[in-house]
Amino acid sequence: MTSQTGVILFAHGSRDPLWRLPIDAVAEDMTRRWPHMSVACAFLELTTPDLATTVEALMMQGKTHLRIVPMFLGVGRHAREDLPQLVSELTEAYPQVQFELLPSIGEHPAMTRLMADIAANAASTP
């Protein structure tokens, strides 16, 4: 990653303001562990900021390569259709920015193992 790269954690959103706390916590942990990494959150609906607003904020920081990490456990319509459409629109609106849409975190084998570990731990703890 270069100094022109930004990471966007993209999640669904909710009317419940507490819903976003785990996503914010991931961003904060990343920033603490990798202080050189520029990390921001964006949401599909019901929570701000939306993806376009986050993209514009990172562009104002001089970011020209944006890596979008879908924070979805399942790969439903939002991950398969809605998010790629949003990224396509942003690519057209901002041709000077390189957008990279990464796989959803739920597709990563490490996430599967982590969830299995947590569930097994919870089930085996009296």
N, C-alpha and C. Protein backbone atom coordinates (compact mmCIF):
# COMPACT_ATOMS: atom_id res chain seq x y z
N MET A 1 0.84 -1.18 0.00
CA MET A 1 0.00 0.00 0.00
C MET A 1 0.88 1.25 0.00
N THR A 2 0.42 2.25 -0.71
CA THR A 2 1.16 3.50 -0.76
C THR A 2 0.43 4.57 0.05
N SER A 3 1.03 5.73 0.16
CA SER A 3 0.40 6.82 0.90
C SER A 3 -0.83 7.35 0.18
N GLN A 4 -1.00 6.99 -1.09
CA GLN A 4 -2.19 7.42 -1.84
C GLN A 4 -3.34 6.41 -1.74
N THR A 5 -3.13 5.33 -0.97
CA THR A 5 -4.14 4.28 -0.84
C THR A 5 -4.98 4.50 0.41
N GLY A 6 -6.28 4.33 0.24
CA GLY A 6 -7.21 4.38 1.37
C GLY A 6 -8.03 3.11 1.40
N VAL A 7 -8.45 2.71 2.58
CA VAL A 7 -9.27 1.51 2.77
C VAL A 7 -10.64 1.95 3.27
N ILE A 8 -11.67 1.44 2.61
CA ILE A 8 -13.04 1.74 3.02
C ILE A 8 -13.69 0.45 3.50
N LEU A 9 -14.12 0.44 4.76
CA LEU A 9 -14.89 -0.68 5.30
C LEU A 9 -16.36 -0.38 4.99
N PHE A 10 -16.95 -1.19 4.13
CA PHE A 10 -18.30 -0.93 3.65
C PHE A 10 -19.28 -1.92 4.29
N ALA A 11 -20.28 -1.39 4.99
CA ALA A 11 -21.26 -2.23 5.67
C ALA A 11 -22.67 -1.79 5.30
N HIS A 12 -23.64 -2.57 5.72
CA HIS A 12 -25.02 -2.32 5.34
C HIS A 12 -25.59 -1.05 5.95
N GLY A 13 -25.58 -0.96 7.27
CA GLY A 13 -26.21 0.17 7.96
C GLY A 13 -27.48 -0.27 8.65
N SER A 14 -27.96 0.57 9.58
CA SER A 14 -29.14 0.24 10.37
C SER A 14 -29.73 1.52 10.95
N ARG A 15 -31.00 1.46 11.30
CA ARG A 15 -31.62 2.59 12.00
C ARG A 15 -31.08 2.71 13.43
N ASP A 16 -30.62 1.59 13.98
CA ASP A 16 -30.10 1.56 15.34
C ASP A 16 -28.68 2.14 15.35
N PRO A 17 -28.46 3.25 16.03
CA PRO A 17 -27.14 3.88 16.01
C PRO A 17 -26.05 3.00 16.63
N LEU A 18 -26.40 2.05 17.48
CA LEU A 18 -25.41 1.17 18.08
C LEU A 18 -24.91 0.10 17.10
N TRP A 19 -25.66 -0.13 16.03
CA TRP A 19 -25.31 -1.17 15.07
C TRP A 19 -23.93 -0.95 14.49
N ARG A 20 -23.54 0.28 14.25
CA ARG A 20 -22.29 0.58 13.58
C ARG A 20 -21.05 0.40 14.45
N LEU A 21 -21.23 0.27 15.76
CA LEU A 21 -20.09 0.22 16.67
C LEU A 21 -19.05 -0.85 16.33
N PRO A 22 -19.46 -2.08 15.97
CA PRO A 22 -18.43 -3.07 15.62
C PRO A 22 -17.63 -2.69 14.37
N ILE A 23 -18.26 -2.06 13.40
CA ILE A 23 -17.55 -1.64 12.19
C ILE A 23 -16.57 -0.52 12.53
N ASP A 24 -17.03 0.44 13.34
CA ASP A 24 -16.14 1.50 13.79
C ASP A 24 -14.97 0.93 14.59
N ALA A 25 -15.24 -0.09 15.39
CA ALA A 25 -14.18 -0.70 16.20
C ALA A 25 -13.12 -1.36 15.31
N VAL A 26 -13.55 -1.98 14.22
CA VAL A 26 -12.59 -2.58 13.28
C VAL A 26 -11.71 -1.48 12.69
N ALA A 27 -12.33 -0.38 12.26
CA ALA A 27 -11.56 0.74 11.69
C ALA A 27 -10.57 1.31 12.72
N GLU A 28 -11.03 1.46 13.94
CA GLU A 28 -10.15 1.99 14.99
C GLU A 28 -8.99 1.04 15.28
N ASP A 29 -9.27 -0.26 15.31
CA ASP A 29 -8.22 -1.25 15.55
C ASP A 29 -7.20 -1.23 14.42
N MET A 30 -7.69 -1.15 13.18
CA MET A 30 -6.77 -1.08 12.04
C MET A 30 -5.89 0.16 12.13
N THR A 31 -6.48 1.29 12.46
CA THR A 31 -5.73 2.54 12.55
C THR A 31 -4.69 2.47 13.67
N ARG A 32 -5.06 1.85 14.78
CA ARG A 32 -4.13 1.71 15.90
C ARG A 32 -2.97 0.77 15.54
N ARG A 33 -3.29 -0.33 14.88
CA ARG A 33 -2.27 -1.33 14.56
C ARG A 33 -1.41 -0.94 13.36
N TRP A 34 -2.01 -0.23 12.41
CA TRP A 34 -1.30 0.21 11.20
C TRP A 34 -1.52 1.71 11.03
N PRO A 35 -0.81 2.53 11.81
CA PRO A 35 -1.06 3.97 11.81
C PRO A 35 -0.85 4.64 10.47
N HIS A 36 -0.08 4.04 9.59
CA HIS A 36 0.14 4.61 8.25
C HIS A 36 -1.04 4.37 7.32
N MET A 37 -1.95 3.48 7.71
CA MET A 37 -3.08 3.10 6.86
C MET A 37 -4.24 4.07 7.06
N SER A 38 -4.77 4.58 5.97
CA SER A 38 -5.93 5.46 6.01
C SER A 38 -7.19 4.61 5.88
N VAL A 39 -7.98 4.55 6.95
CA VAL A 39 -9.16 3.68 7.00
C VAL A 39 -10.39 4.53 7.30
N ALA A 40 -11.47 4.26 6.57
CA ALA A 40 -12.74 4.97 6.80
C ALA A 40 -13.89 3.98 6.61
N CYS A 41 -15.03 4.31 7.18
CA CYS A 41 -16.22 3.48 7.06
C CYS A 41 -17.23 4.14 6.11
N ALA A 42 -18.03 3.30 5.48
CA ALA A 42 -19.13 3.77 4.63
C ALA A 42 -20.26 2.76 4.74
N PHE A 43 -21.47 3.24 4.50
CA PHE A 43 -22.63 2.38 4.68
C PHE A 43 -23.58 2.48 3.50
N LEU A 44 -24.25 1.37 3.23
CA LEU A 44 -25.17 1.29 2.10
C LEU A 44 -26.43 2.12 2.33
N GLU A 45 -27.00 1.98 3.53
CA GLU A 45 -28.24 2.69 3.81
C GLU A 45 -28.46 2.84 5.31
N LEU A 46 -29.27 3.79 5.67
CA LEU A 46 -29.73 4.02 7.03
C LEU A 46 -28.66 4.51 8.01
N THR A 47 -27.42 4.58 7.59
CA THR A 47 -26.31 5.02 8.43
C THR A 47 -25.40 5.89 7.57
N THR A 48 -24.84 6.91 8.17
CA THR A 48 -23.91 7.77 7.44
C THR A 48 -22.50 7.53 7.93
N PRO A 49 -21.53 7.78 7.07
CA PRO A 49 -21.61 8.34 5.72
C PRO A 49 -21.88 7.24 4.69
N ASP A 50 -22.40 7.66 3.55
CA ASP A 50 -22.57 6.72 2.45
C ASP A 50 -21.23 6.59 1.71
N LEU A 51 -21.18 5.70 0.74
CA LEU A 51 -19.92 5.40 0.04
C LEU A 51 -19.39 6.63 -0.70
N ALA A 52 -20.25 7.34 -1.39
CA ALA A 52 -19.79 8.52 -2.15
C ALA A 52 -19.17 9.57 -1.23
N THR A 53 -19.79 9.80 -0.08
CA THR A 53 -19.26 10.79 0.87
C THR A 53 -17.89 10.37 1.39
N THR A 54 -17.74 9.09 1.69
CA THR A 54 -16.45 8.59 2.18
C THR A 54 -15.40 8.68 1.09
N VAL A 55 -15.76 8.34 -0.13
CA VAL A 55 -14.82 8.45 -1.25
C VAL A 55 -14.35 9.89 -1.39
N GLU A 56 -15.27 10.83 -1.37
CA GLU A 56 -14.92 12.24 -1.51
C GLU A 56 -14.00 12.71 -0.38
N ALA A 57 -14.27 12.25 0.85
CA ALA A 57 -13.42 12.64 1.99
C ALA A 57 -12.01 12.09 1.81
N LEU A 58 -11.88 10.86 1.34
CA LEU A 58 -10.55 10.29 1.13
C LEU A 58 -9.83 10.96 -0.04
N MET A 59 -10.57 11.33 -1.06
CA MET A 59 -9.97 12.07 -2.17
C MET A 59 -9.42 13.41 -1.68
N MET A 60 -10.13 14.05 -0.77
CA MET A 60 -9.66 15.32 -0.22
C MET A 60 -8.35 15.15 0.56
N GLN A 61 -8.10 13.92 1.02
CA GLN A 61 -6.84 13.60 1.72
C GLN A 61 -5.75 13.19 0.73
N GLY A 62 -6.04 13.25 -0.56
CA GLY A 62 -5.05 12.90 -1.57
C GLY A 62 -5.02 11.44 -1.95
N LYS A 63 -6.03 10.68 -1.56
CA LYS A 63 -6.06 9.25 -1.89
C LYS A 63 -6.54 9.07 -3.33
N THR A 64 -5.79 8.29 -4.10
CA THR A 64 -6.13 8.04 -5.50
C THR A 64 -6.36 6.56 -5.78
N HIS A 65 -6.16 5.71 -4.77
CA HIS A 65 -6.41 4.28 -4.89
C HIS A 65 -7.23 3.89 -3.67
N LEU A 66 -8.46 3.47 -3.90
CA LEU A 66 -9.36 3.13 -2.80
C LEU A 66 -9.71 1.65 -2.85
N ARG A 67 -9.38 0.96 -1.77
CA ARG A 67 -9.68 -0.47 -1.64
C ARG A 67 -10.93 -0.60 -0.76
N ILE A 68 -11.99 -1.16 -1.32
CA ILE A 68 -13.27 -1.27 -0.62
C ILE A 68 -13.42 -2.70 -0.11
N VAL A 69 -13.56 -2.82 1.22
CA VAL A 69 -13.70 -4.11 1.87
C VAL A 69 -15.15 -4.27 2.33
N PRO A 70 -15.93 -5.12 1.66
CA PRO A 70 -17.31 -5.35 2.09
C PRO A 70 -17.32 -6.12 3.42
N MET A 71 -17.93 -5.53 4.42
CA MET A 71 -17.97 -6.14 5.75
C MET A 71 -19.24 -6.98 5.89
N PHE A 72 -19.47 -7.84 4.90
CA PHE A 72 -20.64 -8.72 4.88
C PHE A 72 -20.20 -10.15 5.18
N LEU A 73 -20.95 -10.84 6.04
CA LEU A 73 -20.64 -12.24 6.30
C LEU A 73 -21.18 -13.12 5.18
N GLY A 74 -22.36 -12.82 4.71
CA GLY A 74 -22.94 -13.55 3.59
C GLY A 74 -22.84 -12.73 2.32
N VAL A 75 -22.81 -13.41 1.20
CA VAL A 75 -22.70 -12.71 -0.08
C VAL A 75 -24.07 -12.72 -0.74
N GLY A 76 -24.89 -11.77 -0.31
CA GLY A 76 -26.24 -11.63 -0.86
C GLY A 76 -26.28 -10.58 -1.95
N ARG A 77 -27.47 -10.11 -2.21
CA ARG A 77 -27.71 -9.15 -3.29
C ARG A 77 -26.89 -7.87 -3.12
N HIS A 78 -26.75 -7.39 -1.89
CA HIS A 78 -25.99 -6.16 -1.68
C HIS A 78 -24.54 -6.32 -2.14
N ALA A 79 -23.93 -7.45 -1.79
CA ALA A 79 -22.52 -7.68 -2.17
C ALA A 79 -22.39 -8.02 -3.65
N ARG A 80 -23.35 -8.76 -4.18
CA ARG A 80 -23.26 -9.20 -5.59
C ARG A 80 -23.70 -8.13 -6.58
N GLU A 81 -24.69 -7.31 -6.21
CA GLU A 81 -25.27 -6.38 -7.18
C GLU A 81 -25.15 -4.91 -6.78
N ASP A 82 -25.62 -4.58 -5.58
CA ASP A 82 -25.69 -3.17 -5.19
C ASP A 82 -24.32 -2.52 -5.09
N LEU A 83 -23.41 -3.16 -4.38
CA LEU A 83 -22.09 -2.57 -4.20
C LEU A 83 -21.31 -2.47 -5.52
N PRO A 84 -21.27 -3.52 -6.34
CA PRO A 84 -20.59 -3.35 -7.64
C PRO A 84 -21.18 -2.22 -8.48
N GLN A 85 -22.49 -2.03 -8.42
CA GLN A 85 -23.13 -0.93 -9.16
C GLN A 85 -22.67 0.42 -8.62
N LEU A 86 -22.61 0.55 -7.30
CA LEU A 86 -22.13 1.80 -6.70
C LEU A 86 -20.68 2.08 -7.10
N VAL A 87 -19.85 1.05 -7.09
CA VAL A 87 -18.44 1.22 -7.46
C VAL A 87 -18.33 1.59 -8.93
N SER A 88 -19.15 1.00 -9.77
CA SER A 88 -19.16 1.34 -11.19
C SER A 88 -19.51 2.82 -11.39
N GLU A 89 -20.51 3.29 -10.67
CA GLU A 89 -20.91 4.70 -10.77
C GLU A 89 -19.79 5.63 -10.28
N LEU A 90 -19.12 5.23 -9.20
CA LEU A 90 -18.02 6.04 -8.68
C LEU A 90 -16.83 6.05 -9.65
N THR A 91 -16.57 4.93 -10.28
CA THR A 91 -15.48 4.84 -11.27
C THR A 91 -15.74 5.78 -12.43
N GLU A 92 -16.99 5.86 -12.83
CA GLU A 92 -17.36 6.77 -13.92
C GLU A 92 -17.27 8.23 -13.47
N ALA A 93 -17.70 8.50 -12.24
CA ALA A 93 -17.69 9.87 -11.73
C ALA A 93 -16.28 10.37 -11.41
N TYR A 94 -15.40 9.46 -11.01
CA TYR A 94 -14.04 9.84 -10.60
C TYR A 94 -13.00 8.99 -11.34
N PRO A 95 -12.80 9.25 -12.62
CA PRO A 95 -11.86 8.43 -13.40
C PRO A 95 -10.41 8.56 -12.92
N GLN A 96 -10.10 9.58 -12.15
CA GLN A 96 -8.74 9.78 -11.65
C GLN A 96 -8.43 8.88 -10.44
N VAL A 97 -9.46 8.19 -9.93
CA VAL A 97 -9.28 7.33 -8.76
C VAL A 97 -9.37 5.86 -9.20
N GLN A 98 -8.47 5.05 -8.67
CA GLN A 98 -8.52 3.61 -8.91
C GLN A 98 -9.32 2.97 -7.79
N PHE A 99 -10.42 2.33 -8.13
CA PHE A 99 -11.26 1.65 -7.15
C PHE A 99 -10.99 0.15 -7.24
N GLU A 100 -10.81 -0.45 -6.08
CA GLU A 100 -10.57 -1.90 -6.01
C GLU A 100 -11.58 -2.49 -5.04
N LEU A 101 -12.51 -3.28 -5.57
CA LEU A 101 -13.53 -3.92 -4.75
C LEU A 101 -13.03 -5.31 -4.36
N LEU A 102 -12.82 -5.51 -3.08
CA LEU A 102 -12.30 -6.77 -2.57
C LEU A 102 -13.44 -7.72 -2.22
N PRO A 103 -13.15 -9.01 -2.05
CA PRO A 103 -14.20 -9.96 -1.64
C PRO A 103 -14.74 -9.63 -0.25
N SER A 104 -15.97 -10.01 0.00
CA SER A 104 -16.58 -9.82 1.32
C SER A 104 -15.80 -10.61 2.36
N ILE A 105 -15.74 -10.05 3.58
CA ILE A 105 -14.95 -10.71 4.62
C ILE A 105 -15.49 -12.09 4.96
N GLY A 106 -16.78 -12.30 4.76
CA GLY A 106 -17.38 -13.61 5.04
C GLY A 106 -16.87 -14.71 4.12
N GLU A 107 -16.25 -14.34 3.01
CA GLU A 107 -15.70 -15.32 2.07
C GLU A 107 -14.30 -15.76 2.46
N HIS A 108 -13.68 -15.06 3.40
CA HIS A 108 -12.29 -15.35 3.75
C HIS A 108 -12.22 -16.57 4.68
N PRO A 109 -11.37 -17.56 4.37
CA PRO A 109 -11.25 -18.75 5.22
C PRO A 109 -10.88 -18.42 6.67
N ALA A 110 -10.11 -17.36 6.89
CA ALA A 110 -9.75 -16.99 8.26
C ALA A 110 -10.99 -16.58 9.05
N MET A 111 -11.95 -15.93 8.40
CA MET A 111 -13.18 -15.53 9.08
C MET A 111 -13.99 -16.77 9.45
N THR A 112 -14.06 -17.74 8.56
CA THR A 112 -14.77 -18.98 8.85
C THR A 112 -14.16 -19.67 10.06
N ARG A 113 -12.83 -19.77 10.09
CA ARG A 113 -12.14 -20.39 11.23
C ARG A 113 -12.38 -19.61 12.51
N LEU A 114 -12.31 -18.29 12.45
CA LEU A 114 -12.51 -17.47 13.63
C LEU A 114 -13.92 -17.65 14.19
N MET A 115 -14.93 -17.64 13.31
CA MET A 115 -16.30 -17.82 13.77
C MET A 115 -16.49 -19.22 14.36
N ALA A 116 -15.86 -20.23 13.75
CA ALA A 116 -15.95 -21.59 14.29
C ALA A 116 -15.30 -21.65 15.68
N ASP A 117 -14.15 -21.01 15.83
CA ASP A 117 -13.47 -20.99 17.13
C ASP A 117 -14.34 -20.31 18.20
N ILE A 118 -14.92 -19.17 17.84
CA ILE A 118 -15.76 -18.45 18.80
C ILE A 118 -16.98 -19.28 19.18
N ALA A 119 -17.63 -19.89 18.18
CA ALA A 119 -18.82 -20.71 18.47
C ALA A 119 -18.46 -21.93 19.31
N ALA A 120 -17.35 -22.60 18.98
CA ALA A 120 -16.94 -23.77 19.74
C ALA A 120 -16.57 -23.39 21.16
N ASN A 121 -15.88 -22.29 21.33
CA ASN A 121 -15.52 -21.79 22.66
C ASN A 121 -16.76 -21.50 23.49
N ALA A 122 -17.73 -20.82 22.88
CA ALA A 122 -18.96 -20.48 23.57
C ALA A 122 -19.73 -21.73 23.96
N ALA A 123 -19.74 -22.72 23.07
CA ALA A 123 -20.49 -23.96 23.33
C ALA A 123 -19.82 -24.81 24.40
N SER A 124 -18.50 -24.73 24.51
CA SER A 124 -17.80 -25.60 25.46
C SER A 124 -17.56 -24.94 26.81
N THR A 125 -17.87 -23.64 26.92
CA THR A 125 -17.69 -22.95 28.20
C THR A 125 -18.93 -23.14 29.06
N PRO A 126 -18.71 -23.61 30.29
CA PRO A 126 -19.89 -23.85 31.17
C PRO A 126 -20.58 -22.55 31.58
